[in-house]
Amino acid sequence: MKKLMAANWKMFKTGDEAHTTAGELVQRLKGSLPDDREALIIPPFTALTRVRDAISKTPGVFLGAQNFYPEEQGAYTGEIAPKMLLDAGCVFALAGHSERRHIMGESSEFVGQKVAFGLSSGLKMILCVGEKLEERKAGNVEKILKEQLEKGLKDVPGDTSPEDLSIAYEPVWAIGTGEVAGPEEIVHAHGFVRQTLKQIFPNQGTDIRILYGGSVKPENCAAIIGLDNVEGVLVGGASLKADSFSSIVTA
């Protein structure tokens, strides 16, 4: 399966800014996107259709959403449904990003509802997992990852295609801080995620992509994606400029 190189733009960029950046990105990737890579842009809701229009004629570049509410429709002021995202051109969606967990207060159980509902609605889902610094220092990395994976995947059908589900390991202490987990830390965490996936999905666990996220930059991306069980990256700040993210995609 191809490596998934994902850009999470978080709460940055107006529609015009997003359209310009996405346009610059596809120009840089035209003819240079490696055969073993897929690129994913995850902009704010207000920029989804503008990015869709910019990337629509570029094979291997996809659109994703940062969040949604796990209902088809209803009286949920301020929320957005998966079918609305699909209508806007989304192929992928995130669930469980640390900022949703620790700033917005989303529980692992609620994250699990979103993963299962998103998949059943036709979205490819990326489940984000990762420990805080105090949890790592206390030696609880595996405990936290196991809990987040088990609850996040609790209602996912056992026959789900590996192409439809990815896991993003993002140590919370490395997101936006400039700190990057060392090779041994990444290999250990991804190895544990792989082991847990094979327990949850005996037939597909080996093939589900595991991405790394946390201060990924053009300078360190090649080394990171060369590690065992790293099948892509989820990039924040370094994805906001076309030249930087294109260098990551082709690293």
C-alpha atoms as a PDB file:
ATOM      1  CA  MET A   1       0.000   0.000   0.000  1.00  0.00           C
ATOM      2  CA  LYS A   2       1.188   3.534  -0.742  1.00  0.00           C
ATOM      3  CA  LYS A   3       2.572   5.801   1.967  1.00  0.00           C
ATOM      4  CA  LEU A   4       0.050   8.458   2.999  1.00  0.00           C
ATOM      5  CA  MET A   5       1.506  11.953   3.363  1.00  0.00           C
ATOM      6  CA  ALA A   6      -1.153  14.062   5.086  1.00  0.00           C
ATOM      7  CA  ALA A   7      -1.305  17.822   5.689  1.00  0.00           C
ATOM      8  CA  ASN A   8      -3.449  18.932   8.630  1.00  0.00           C
ATOM      9  CA  TRP A   9      -3.977  22.677   8.214  1.00  0.00           C
ATOM     10  CA  LYS A  10      -5.916  22.990  11.494  1.00  0.00           C
ATOM     11  CA  MET A  11      -7.448  26.481  11.994  1.00  0.00           C
ATOM     12  CA  PHE A  12      -5.340  28.219   9.352  1.00  0.00           C
ATOM     13  CA  LYS A  13      -6.096  29.717   5.931  1.00  0.00           C
ATOM     14  CA  THR A  14      -9.060  31.474   4.386  1.00  0.00           C
ATOM     15  CA  GLY A  15     -10.634  29.996   1.283  1.00  0.00           C
ATOM     16  CA  ASP A  16      -8.473  32.071  -1.039  1.00  0.00           C
ATOM     17  CA  GLU A  17      -5.308  31.240   0.879  1.00  0.00           C
ATOM     18  CA  ALA A  18      -6.127  27.545   0.874  1.00  0.00           C
ATOM     19  CA  HIS A  19      -6.890  27.538  -2.843  1.00  0.00           C
ATOM     20  CA  THR A  20      -3.593  29.276  -3.594  1.00  0.00           C
ATOM     21  CA  THR A  21      -1.520  26.933  -1.438  1.00  0.00           C
ATOM     22  CA  ALA A  22      -3.221  23.816  -2.814  1.00  0.00           C
ATOM     23  CA  GLY A  23      -2.693  25.093  -6.352  1.00  0.00           C
ATOM     24  CA  GLU A  24       0.988  25.694  -5.699  1.00  0.00           C
ATOM     25  CA  LEU A  25       1.293  22.234  -4.174  1.00  0.00           C
ATOM     26  CA  VAL A  26      -0.187  20.380  -7.142  1.00  0.00           C
ATOM     27  CA  GLN A  27       2.057  22.344  -9.494  1.00  0.00           C
ATOM     28  CA  ARG A  28       5.099  21.262  -7.494  1.00  0.00           C
ATOM     29  CA  LEU A  29       3.924  17.645  -7.376  1.00  0.00           C
ATOM     30  CA  LYS A  30       2.968  17.437 -11.045  1.00  0.00           C
ATOM     31  CA  GLY A  31       5.122  14.724 -12.543  1.00  0.00           C
ATOM     32  CA  SER A  32       7.113  14.318  -9.321  1.00  0.00           C
ATOM     33  CA  LEU A  33       4.698  12.481  -7.002  1.00  0.00           C
ATOM     34  CA  PRO A  34       6.442   9.155  -6.274  1.00  0.00           C
ATOM     35  CA  ASP A  35       4.539   6.026  -7.311  1.00  0.00           C
ATOM     36  CA  ASP A  36       4.509   4.837  -3.701  1.00  0.00           C
ATOM     37  CA  ARG A  37       2.981   8.033  -2.242  1.00  0.00           C
ATOM     38  CA  GLU A  38      -0.449   9.581  -1.785  1.00  0.00           C
ATOM     39  CA  ALA A  39      -0.906  13.180  -0.653  1.00  0.00           C
ATOM     40  CA  LEU A  40      -3.804  14.318   1.511  1.00  0.00           C
ATOM     41  CA  ILE A  41      -4.822  17.900   2.318  1.00  0.00           C
ATOM     42  CA  ILE A  42      -7.026  18.449   5.381  1.00  0.00           C
ATOM     43  CA  PRO A  43      -8.107  22.126   5.431  1.00  0.00           C
ATOM     44  CA  PRO A  44     -10.696  23.931   7.571  1.00  0.00           C
ATOM     45  CA  PHE A  45     -14.347  23.298   6.672  1.00  0.00           C
ATOM     46  CA  THR A  46     -14.692  26.697   4.997  1.00  0.00           C
ATOM     47  CA  ALA A  47     -11.912  25.874   2.535  1.00  0.00           C
ATOM     48  CA  LEU A  48     -12.907  22.319   1.582  1.00  0.00           C
ATOM     49  CA  THR A  49     -14.501  23.107  -1.760  1.00  0.00           C
ATOM     50  CA  ARG A  50     -11.775  25.592  -2.695  1.00  0.00           C
ATOM     51  CA  VAL A  51      -9.096  22.960  -2.114  1.00  0.00           C
ATOM     52  CA  ARG A  52     -11.215  20.342  -3.908  1.00  0.00           C
ATOM     53  CA  ASP A  53     -11.317  22.559  -6.981  1.00  0.00           C
ATOM     54  CA  ALA A  54      -7.564  23.103  -6.865  1.00  0.00           C
ATOM     55  CA  ILE A  55      -6.645  19.402  -6.652  1.00  0.00           C
ATOM     56  CA  SER A  56      -9.487  17.821  -8.649  1.00  0.00           C
ATOM     57  CA  LYS A  57      -7.388  17.016 -11.720  1.00  0.00           C
ATOM     58  CA  THR A  58      -4.354  15.748  -9.830  1.00  0.00           C
ATOM     59  CA  PRO A  59      -4.138  11.951  -9.405  1.00  0.00           C
ATOM     60  CA  GLY A  60      -2.872  10.811  -6.025  1.00  0.00           C
ATOM     61  CA  VAL A  61      -3.864  13.996  -4.151  1.00  0.00           C
ATOM     62  CA  PHE A  62      -6.936  13.727  -1.915  1.00  0.00           C
ATOM     63  CA  LEU A  63      -9.134  15.912   0.280  1.00  0.00           C
ATOM     64  CA  GLY A  64      -9.885  15.239   3.938  1.00  0.00           C
ATOM     65  CA  ALA A  65     -11.769  16.746   6.867  1.00  0.00           C
ATOM     66  CA  GLN A  66     -10.552  17.501  10.364  1.00  0.00           C
ATOM     67  CA  ASN A  67     -13.716  16.517  12.197  1.00  0.00           C
ATOM     68  CA  PHE A  68     -17.444  15.706  12.031  1.00  0.00           C
ATOM     69  CA  TYR A  69     -20.352  14.711  14.264  1.00  0.00           C
ATOM     70  CA  PRO A  70     -21.391  11.029  14.200  1.00  0.00           C
ATOM     71  CA  GLU A  71     -24.976  11.505  13.015  1.00  0.00           C
ATOM     72  CA  GLU A  72     -26.484  11.628   9.538  1.00  0.00           C
ATOM     73  CA  GLN A  73     -28.278  14.911  10.237  1.00  0.00           C
ATOM     74  CA  GLY A  74     -30.154  16.665  13.016  1.00  0.00           C
ATOM     75  CA  ALA A  75     -30.306  19.495  15.520  1.00  0.00           C
ATOM     76  CA  TYR A  76     -26.570  19.718  16.223  1.00  0.00           C
ATOM     77  CA  THR A  77     -25.793  23.415  15.918  1.00  0.00           C
ATOM     78  CA  GLY A  78     -22.261  24.092  14.762  1.00  0.00           C
ATOM     79  CA  GLU A  79     -21.586  20.519  13.652  1.00  0.00           C
ATOM     80  CA  ILE A  80     -21.182  18.900  10.251  1.00  0.00           C
ATOM     81  CA  ALA A  81     -22.140  15.415   9.035  1.00  0.00           C
ATOM     82  CA  PRO A  82     -20.081  12.906   7.037  1.00  0.00           C
ATOM     83  CA  LYS A  83     -22.437  13.060   4.049  1.00  0.00           C
ATOM     84  CA  MET A  84     -21.817  16.833   3.912  1.00  0.00           C
ATOM     85  CA  LEU A  85     -18.087  16.177   3.810  1.00  0.00           C
ATOM     86  CA  LEU A  86     -18.514  13.603   1.061  1.00  0.00           C
ATOM     87  CA  ASP A  87     -20.630  16.116  -0.851  1.00  0.00           C
ATOM     88  CA  ALA A  88     -17.774  18.633  -0.531  1.00  0.00           C
ATOM     89  CA  GLY A  89     -15.356  16.144  -2.058  1.00  0.00           C
ATOM     90  CA  CYS A  90     -13.751  14.629   1.039  1.00  0.00           C
ATOM     91  CA  VAL A  91     -12.302  11.140   0.877  1.00  0.00           C
ATOM     92  CA  PHE A  92     -10.666  11.009   4.326  1.00  0.00           C
ATOM     93  CA  ALA A  93     -11.441  12.332   7.809  1.00  0.00           C
ATOM     94  CA  LEU A  94      -9.571  12.534  11.111  1.00  0.00           C
ATOM     95  CA  ALA A  95     -10.818  11.385  14.497  1.00  0.00           C
ATOM     96  CA  GLY A  96      -9.148  11.591  17.881  1.00  0.00           C
ATOM     97  CA  HIS A  97      -6.539  14.251  17.190  1.00  0.00           C
ATOM     98  CA  SER A  98      -4.960  15.263  20.493  1.00  0.00           C
ATOM     99  CA  GLU A  99      -6.322  18.782  20.185  1.00  0.00           C
ATOM    100  CA  ARG A 100      -9.845  17.364  19.960  1.00  0.00           C
ATOM    101  CA  ARG A 101      -9.164  15.080  22.921  1.00  0.00           C
ATOM    102  CA  HIS A 102      -7.366  17.493  25.233  1.00  0.00           C
ATOM    103  CA  ILE A 103      -8.744  20.914  24.261  1.00  0.00           C
ATOM    104  CA  MET A 104     -12.271  19.979  23.161  1.00  0.00           C
ATOM    105  CA  GLY A 105     -12.632  17.206  25.743  1.00  0.00           C
ATOM    106  CA  GLU A 106     -13.523  14.351  23.406  1.00  0.00           C
ATOM    107  CA  SER A 107     -13.369  10.944  25.076  1.00  0.00           C
ATOM    108  CA  SER A 108     -11.940   7.815  23.493  1.00  0.00           C
ATOM    109  CA  GLU A 109     -15.454   6.375  23.452  1.00  0.00           C
ATOM    110  CA  PHE A 110     -16.771   9.340  21.460  1.00  0.00           C
ATOM    111  CA  VAL A 111     -13.786   9.148  19.133  1.00  0.00           C
ATOM    112  CA  GLY A 112     -14.666   5.499  18.558  1.00  0.00           C
ATOM    113  CA  GLN A 113     -18.219   6.449  17.623  1.00  0.00           C
ATOM    114  CA  LYS A 114     -16.840   8.828  15.018  1.00  0.00           C
ATOM    115  CA  VAL A 115     -14.445   6.264  13.537  1.00  0.00           C
ATOM    116  CA  ALA A 116     -17.174   3.662  13.113  1.00  0.00           C
ATOM    117  CA  PHE A 117     -19.785   6.135  11.832  1.00  0.00           C
ATOM    118  CA  GLY A 118     -17.362   7.749   9.417  1.00  0.00           C
ATOM    119  CA  LEU A 119     -16.438   4.386   7.926  1.00  0.00           C
ATOM    120  CA  SER A 120     -20.079   3.327   7.625  1.00  0.00           C
ATOM    121  CA  SER A 121     -20.819   6.631   5.893  1.00  0.00           C
ATOM    122  CA  GLY A 122     -18.171   6.062   3.230  1.00  0.00           C
ATOM    123  CA  LEU A 123     -15.203   8.056   4.543  1.00  0.00           C
ATOM    124  CA  LYS A 124     -11.723   6.648   4.934  1.00  0.00           C
ATOM    125  CA  MET A 125     -10.809   7.232   8.575  1.00  0.00           C
ATOM    126  CA  ILE A 126      -7.550   8.188  10.280  1.00  0.00           C
ATOM    127  CA  LEU A 127      -7.622   7.466  14.023  1.00  0.00           C
ATOM    128  CA  CYS A 128      -5.092   9.569  15.951  1.00  0.00           C
ATOM    129  CA  VAL A 129      -3.545   8.157  19.127  1.00  0.00           C
ATOM    130  CA  GLY A 130      -0.719   9.291  21.373  1.00  0.00           C
ATOM    131  CA  GLU A 131       0.479   9.899  24.901  1.00  0.00           C
ATOM    132  CA  LYS A 132       1.149  13.085  26.854  1.00  0.00           C
ATOM    133  CA  LEU A 133       4.608  13.783  28.242  1.00  0.00           C
ATOM    134  CA  GLU A 134       3.667  12.908  31.812  1.00  0.00           C
ATOM    135  CA  GLU A 135       2.220   9.600  30.611  1.00  0.00           C
ATOM    136  CA  ARG A 136       5.452   8.752  28.810  1.00  0.00           C
ATOM    137  CA  LYS A 137       7.544   9.669  31.845  1.00  0.00           C
ATOM    138  CA  ALA A 138       5.323   7.425  33.992  1.00  0.00           C
ATOM    139  CA  GLY A 139       5.975   4.494  31.648  1.00  0.00           C
ATOM    140  CA  ASN A 140       2.371   4.352  30.447  1.00  0.00           C
ATOM    141  CA  VAL A 141       2.875   4.674  26.694  1.00  0.00           C
ATOM    142  CA  GLU A 142       1.593   1.179  25.874  1.00  0.00           C
ATOM    143  CA  LYS A 143      -1.300   1.481  28.327  1.00  0.00           C
ATOM    144  CA  ILE A 144      -2.486   4.744  26.743  1.00  0.00           C
ATOM    145  CA  LEU A 145      -2.088   3.499  23.182  1.00  0.00           C
ATOM    146  CA  LYS A 146      -3.887   0.236  23.921  1.00  0.00           C
ATOM    147  CA  GLU A 147      -6.828   2.050  25.523  1.00  0.00           C
ATOM    148  CA  GLN A 148      -7.128   4.581  22.697  1.00  0.00           C
ATOM    149  CA  LEU A 149      -6.904   1.881  20.027  1.00  0.00           C
ATOM    150  CA  GLU A 150      -9.336  -0.519  21.666  1.00  0.00           C
ATOM    151  CA  LYS A 151     -11.944   2.161  22.365  1.00  0.00           C
ATOM    152  CA  GLY A 152     -11.355   3.952  19.081  1.00  0.00           C
ATOM    153  CA  LEU A 153     -11.831   0.770  17.048  1.00  0.00           C
ATOM    154  CA  LYS A 154     -14.427  -0.953  19.246  1.00  0.00           C
ATOM    155  CA  ASP A 155     -17.287  -0.752  16.743  1.00  0.00           C
ATOM    156  CA  VAL A 156     -15.274  -1.017  13.535  1.00  0.00           C
ATOM    157  CA  PRO A 157     -16.304  -4.134  11.555  1.00  0.00           C
ATOM    158  CA  GLY A 158     -13.715  -6.872  11.463  1.00  0.00           C
ATOM    159  CA  ASP A 159     -13.788  -7.035   7.679  1.00  0.00           C
ATOM    160  CA  THR A 160     -12.942  -3.340   7.193  1.00  0.00           C
ATOM    161  CA  SER A 161     -10.537  -2.864   4.295  1.00  0.00           C
ATOM    162  CA  PRO A 162      -7.028  -1.732   5.317  1.00  0.00           C
ATOM    163  CA  GLU A 163      -7.298   0.944   2.628  1.00  0.00           C
ATOM    164  CA  ASP A 164     -10.171   2.546   4.541  1.00  0.00           C
ATOM    165  CA  LEU A 165      -8.508   2.789   7.962  1.00  0.00           C
ATOM    166  CA  SER A 166      -5.225   4.313   9.094  1.00  0.00           C
ATOM    167  CA  ILE A 167      -3.740   5.002  12.522  1.00  0.00           C
ATOM    168  CA  ALA A 168      -1.716   8.145  13.220  1.00  0.00           C
ATOM    169  CA  TYR A 169       0.641   7.907  16.191  1.00  0.00           C
ATOM    170  CA  GLU A 170       1.205  11.442  17.472  1.00  0.00           C
ATOM    171  CA  PRO A 171       2.980  11.820  20.801  1.00  0.00           C
ATOM    172  CA  VAL A 172       1.198  14.852  22.263  1.00  0.00           C
ATOM    173  CA  TRP A 173       4.452  16.337  23.560  1.00  0.00           C
ATOM    174  CA  ALA A 174       5.849  16.472  19.992  1.00  0.00           C
ATOM    175  CA  ILE A 175       2.934  18.249  18.293  1.00  0.00           C
ATOM    176  CA  GLY A 176       3.854  21.812  17.358  1.00  0.00           C
ATOM    177  CA  THR A 177       6.735  21.900  19.833  1.00  0.00           C
ATOM    178  CA  GLY A 178       9.656  21.241  17.521  1.00  0.00           C
ATOM    179  CA  GLU A 179      10.382  18.098  19.535  1.00  0.00           C
ATOM    180  CA  VAL A 180      10.413  14.862  17.570  1.00  0.00           C
ATOM    181  CA  ALA A 181      10.255  11.380  19.011  1.00  0.00           C
ATOM    182  CA  GLY A 182      13.569   9.591  18.490  1.00  0.00           C
ATOM    183  CA  PRO A 183      13.865   6.608  16.128  1.00  0.00           C
ATOM    184  CA  GLU A 184      13.724   4.100  18.978  1.00  0.00           C
ATOM    185  CA  GLU A 185      10.634   5.778  20.457  1.00  0.00           C
ATOM    186  CA  ILE A 186       8.868   5.785  17.087  1.00  0.00           C
ATOM    187  CA  VAL A 187       9.778   2.182  16.290  1.00  0.00           C
ATOM    188  CA  HIS A 188       8.612   1.035  19.725  1.00  0.00           C
ATOM    189  CA  ALA A 189       5.295   2.903  19.566  1.00  0.00           C
ATOM    190  CA  HIS A 190       4.538   1.881  15.984  1.00  0.00           C
ATOM    191  CA  GLY A 191       5.518  -1.703  16.750  1.00  0.00           C
ATOM    192  CA  PHE A 192       3.095  -1.748  19.668  1.00  0.00           C
ATOM    193  CA  VAL A 193       0.346  -0.206  17.530  1.00  0.00           C
ATOM    194  CA  ARG A 194       0.964  -2.893  14.885  1.00  0.00           C
ATOM    195  CA  GLN A 195       0.822  -5.642  17.505  1.00  0.00           C
ATOM    196  CA  THR A 196      -2.464  -4.277  18.857  1.00  0.00           C
ATOM    197  CA  LEU A 197      -3.952  -3.921  15.378  1.00  0.00           C
ATOM    198  CA  LYS A 198      -3.186  -7.561  14.637  1.00  0.00           C
ATOM    199  CA  GLN A 199      -4.991  -8.534  17.821  1.00  0.00           C
ATOM    200  CA  ILE A 200      -8.050  -6.446  16.919  1.00  0.00           C
ATOM    201  CA  PHE A 201      -8.003  -7.336  13.195  1.00  0.00           C
ATOM    202  CA  PRO A 202      -6.322 -10.759  12.821  1.00  0.00           C
ATOM    203  CA  ASN A 203      -6.733 -10.728   9.040  1.00  0.00           C
ATOM    204  CA  GLN A 204      -6.059  -7.067   8.203  1.00  0.00           C
ATOM    205  CA  GLY A 205      -3.945  -5.735  11.080  1.00  0.00           C
ATOM    206  CA  THR A 206      -0.681  -6.259   9.221  1.00  0.00           C
ATOM    207  CA  ASP A 207      -1.788  -4.071   6.316  1.00  0.00           C
ATOM    208  CA  ILE A 208      -3.379  -1.072   8.070  1.00  0.00           C
ATOM    209  CA  ARG A 209      -1.229   2.022   7.578  1.00  0.00           C
ATOM    210  CA  ILE A 210       0.379   3.630  10.622  1.00  0.00           C
ATOM    211  CA  LEU A 211       1.406   7.262  10.213  1.00  0.00           C
ATOM    212  CA  TYR A 212       3.720   9.298  12.418  1.00  0.00           C
ATOM    213  CA  GLY A 213       2.886  12.862  13.423  1.00  0.00           C
ATOM    214  CA  GLY A 214       4.738  15.347  15.586  1.00  0.00           C
ATOM    215  CA  SER A 215       6.978  18.156  14.277  1.00  0.00           C
ATOM    216  CA  VAL A 216       7.616  16.423  10.940  1.00  0.00           C
ATOM    217  CA  LYS A 217       9.721  18.614   8.623  1.00  0.00           C
ATOM    218  CA  PRO A 218      11.423  18.248   5.228  1.00  0.00           C
ATOM    219  CA  GLU A 219      14.708  17.736   7.072  1.00  0.00           C
ATOM    220  CA  ASN A 220      13.570  14.704   9.110  1.00  0.00           C
ATOM    221  CA  CYS A 221      10.800  13.145   7.015  1.00  0.00           C
ATOM    222  CA  ALA A 222      12.924  10.736   4.976  1.00  0.00           C
ATOM    223  CA  ALA A 223      14.487   9.263   8.104  1.00  0.00           C
ATOM    224  CA  ILE A 224      11.098   8.896   9.799  1.00  0.00           C
ATOM    225  CA  ILE A 225       9.287   7.173   6.943  1.00  0.00           C
ATOM    226  CA  GLY A 226      12.225   4.803   6.545  1.00  0.00           C
ATOM    227  CA  LEU A 227      11.540   3.289   9.979  1.00  0.00           C
ATOM    228  CA  ASP A 228       9.718   0.003  10.529  1.00  0.00           C
ATOM    229  CA  ASN A 229       5.908   0.236  10.534  1.00  0.00           C
ATOM    230  CA  VAL A 230       5.870   3.871   9.399  1.00  0.00           C
ATOM    231  CA  GLU A 231       3.642   4.099   6.325  1.00  0.00           C
ATOM    232  CA  GLY A 232       3.249   7.853   6.150  1.00  0.00           C
ATOM    233  CA  VAL A 233       3.132  11.074   8.137  1.00  0.00           C
ATOM    234  CA  LEU A 234       0.551  13.516   9.481  1.00  0.00           C
ATOM    235  CA  VAL A 235       2.037  16.998   9.258  1.00  0.00           C
ATOM    236  CA  GLY A 236       0.924  20.223  10.924  1.00  0.00           C
ATOM    237  CA  GLY A 237       2.906  23.450  10.712  1.00  0.00           C
ATOM    238  CA  ALA A 238       5.314  22.297   8.011  1.00  0.00           C
ATOM    239  CA  SER A 239       2.380  21.553   5.690  1.00  0.00           C
ATOM    240  CA  LEU A 240       1.130  25.140   5.540  1.00  0.00           C
ATOM    241  CA  LYS A 241       3.541  26.134   2.769  1.00  0.00           C
ATOM    242  CA  ALA A 242       3.542  24.378  -0.588  1.00  0.00           C
ATOM    243  CA  ASP A 243       7.328  24.196  -0.920  1.00  0.00           C
ATOM    244  CA  SER A 244       7.735  22.673   2.527  1.00  0.00           C
ATOM    245  CA  PHE A 245       4.961  20.090   2.203  1.00  0.00           C
ATOM    246  CA  SER A 246       5.933  19.105  -1.349  1.00  0.00           C
ATOM    247  CA  SER A 247       9.440  18.367  -0.046  1.00  0.00           C
ATOM    248  CA  ILE A 248       7.876  16.171   2.652  1.00  0.00           C
ATOM    249  CA  VAL A 249       5.640  14.330   0.174  1.00  0.00           C
ATOM    250  CA  THR A 250       8.606  13.512  -2.074  1.00  0.00           C
ATOM    251  CA  ALA A 251      11.142  12.867   0.723  1.00  0.00           C
END
